[in-house]
Amino acid sequence: FPVPVVGDSGSVHREGVPGSLPVECSLSTAAVNLLHRLLDPDPRSRLRSLLNLQGTAFFKDFSFSDARAKKFSPHQVLKSHFPNGPPQKQTSDIDEKEFSNFDSVVINDS
């Protein structure tokens, strides 16, 4: 088990490599860096505390004290980011390939 960490924020998905993201993943650099730090296989370098989380670029404009004081609701946050409702999921070629026969296998337990 020690698994090598994919450290750069532009890492692409490589099957079987922890820390890589799918190619079609469209996230900001701050979001990618946050995911890499949260999912780091090495527990010594993984984000483990709220203080460390607050120091990340992803949360630089977020007020944790306002959240703690409940000055806004989760619904307000969602509406500000998605005014037209939740984004529509677009299936990728990978989804189609991986799940094309999902319900077609019948298992006989007798």
Protein backbone atom coordinates (compact mmCIF):
# COMPACT_ATOMS: atom_id res chain seq x y z
CA PHE A 1 0.00 0.00 0.00
CA PRO A 2 1.78 3.23 -0.07
CA VAL A 3 0.13 4.79 -3.08
CA PRO A 4 1.89 7.61 -4.92
CA VAL A 5 0.07 10.92 -4.81
CA VAL A 6 -0.76 12.75 -8.01
CA GLY A 7 0.23 16.19 -6.87
CA ASP A 8 -0.28 18.68 -9.66
CA SER A 9 -3.65 20.40 -9.90
CA GLY A 10 -3.92 19.66 -13.60
CA SER A 11 -3.77 15.91 -13.17
CA VAL A 12 -6.09 14.03 -15.46
CA HIS A 13 -7.98 10.87 -14.68
CA ARG A 14 -5.88 7.78 -15.01
CA GLU A 15 -7.72 4.63 -14.14
CA GLY A 16 -6.45 3.12 -10.92
CA VAL A 17 -4.47 6.22 -9.89
CA PRO A 18 -5.77 7.83 -6.70
CA GLY A 19 -5.92 11.60 -6.76
CA SER A 20 -6.63 12.00 -10.45
CA LEU A 21 -9.79 13.60 -11.79
CA PRO A 22 -11.79 12.75 -14.91
CA VAL A 23 -10.73 14.66 -18.02
CA GLU A 24 -14.23 16.08 -18.52
CA CYS A 25 -14.24 17.49 -14.98
CA SER A 26 -14.61 21.27 -15.24
CA LEU A 27 -13.58 22.63 -11.86
CA SER A 28 -11.64 25.70 -10.86
CA THR A 29 -8.00 25.32 -9.90
CA ALA A 30 -8.95 26.08 -6.28
CA ALA A 31 -11.58 23.31 -6.31
CA VAL A 32 -9.16 20.78 -7.83
CA ASN A 33 -6.50 21.66 -5.25
CA LEU A 34 -9.06 21.31 -2.44
CA LEU A 35 -10.10 17.85 -3.68
CA HIS A 36 -6.47 16.73 -3.95
CA ARG A 37 -5.77 17.89 -0.40
CA LEU A 38 -8.94 16.31 1.04
CA LEU A 39 -8.40 12.99 -0.74
CA ASP A 40 -4.64 12.77 -0.24
CA PRO A 41 -3.78 9.13 0.55
CA ASP A 42 -1.08 10.28 3.01
CA PRO A 43 -2.87 11.12 6.29
CA ARG A 44 0.04 13.34 7.37
CA SER A 45 -0.48 15.79 4.50
CA ARG A 46 -4.27 15.45 4.10
CA LEU A 47 -6.53 18.34 5.17
CA ARG A 48 -7.81 17.32 8.59
CA SER A 49 -9.07 20.40 10.38
CA LEU A 50 -11.48 23.26 9.90
CA LEU A 51 -8.61 25.70 10.37
CA ASN A 52 -6.70 24.12 7.47
CA LEU A 53 -9.87 24.08 5.36
CA GLN A 54 -10.45 27.78 6.04
CA GLY A 55 -6.96 28.54 4.73
CA THR A 56 -7.55 27.05 1.28
CA ALA A 57 -8.01 29.21 -1.82
CA PHE A 58 -11.42 27.62 -2.44
CA PHE A 59 -12.84 29.16 0.75
CA LYS A 60 -10.96 32.50 0.62
CA ASP A 61 -14.16 34.57 0.18
CA PHE A 62 -16.37 32.41 2.39
CA SER A 63 -17.24 33.67 5.87
CA PHE A 64 -17.18 30.75 8.26
CA SER A 65 -18.24 33.05 11.12
CA ASP A 66 -21.36 34.08 9.15
CA ALA A 67 -22.11 30.42 8.47
CA ARG A 68 -21.66 29.57 12.15
CA ALA A 69 -23.99 32.47 13.08
CA LYS A 70 -26.51 31.19 10.49
CA LYS A 71 -26.64 34.55 8.70
CA PHE A 72 -27.62 32.80 5.47
CA SER A 73 -29.42 29.61 4.57
CA PRO A 74 -28.16 26.81 2.32
CA HIS A 75 -31.05 27.64 -0.03
CA GLN A 76 -29.73 31.20 -0.45
CA VAL A 77 -26.28 29.88 -1.34
CA LEU A 78 -27.71 27.43 -3.89
CA LYS A 79 -29.93 30.11 -5.46
CA SER A 80 -26.99 32.50 -5.79
CA HIS A 81 -24.91 29.87 -7.61
CA PHE A 82 -27.73 28.19 -9.56
CA PRO A 83 -30.48 30.79 -10.19
CA ASN A 84 -32.14 28.55 -12.82
CA GLY A 85 -32.20 25.47 -10.61
CA PRO A 86 -29.79 22.55 -10.48
CA PRO A 87 -27.56 22.04 -13.51
CA GLN A 88 -28.61 19.30 -15.89
CA LYS A 89 -26.42 16.22 -15.76
CA GLN A 90 -24.76 15.49 -19.06
CA THR A 91 -23.82 11.88 -19.57
CA SER A 92 -20.36 11.28 -20.89
CA ASP A 93 -19.05 8.56 -23.16
CA ILE A 94 -17.50 6.95 -20.08
CA ASP A 95 -20.92 6.81 -18.37
CA GLU A 96 -22.47 5.21 -21.43
CA LYS A 97 -19.71 2.62 -21.73
CA GLU A 98 -19.52 1.73 -18.04
CA PHE A 99 -23.26 1.50 -17.39
CA SER A 100 -24.68 0.45 -20.76
CA ASN A 101 -25.64 -3.05 -19.53
CA PHE A 102 -26.24 -2.14 -15.90
CA ASP A 103 -29.66 -3.79 -15.51
CA SER A 104 -29.26 -6.45 -18.18
CA VAL A 105 -27.58 -9.14 -16.06
CA VAL A 106 -29.95 -11.53 -14.33
CA ILE A 107 -28.53 -13.51 -11.43
CA ASN A 108 -30.17 -16.83 -10.67
CA ASP A 109 -29.79 -17.64 -6.98
CA SER A 110 -31.22 -21.15 -7.21
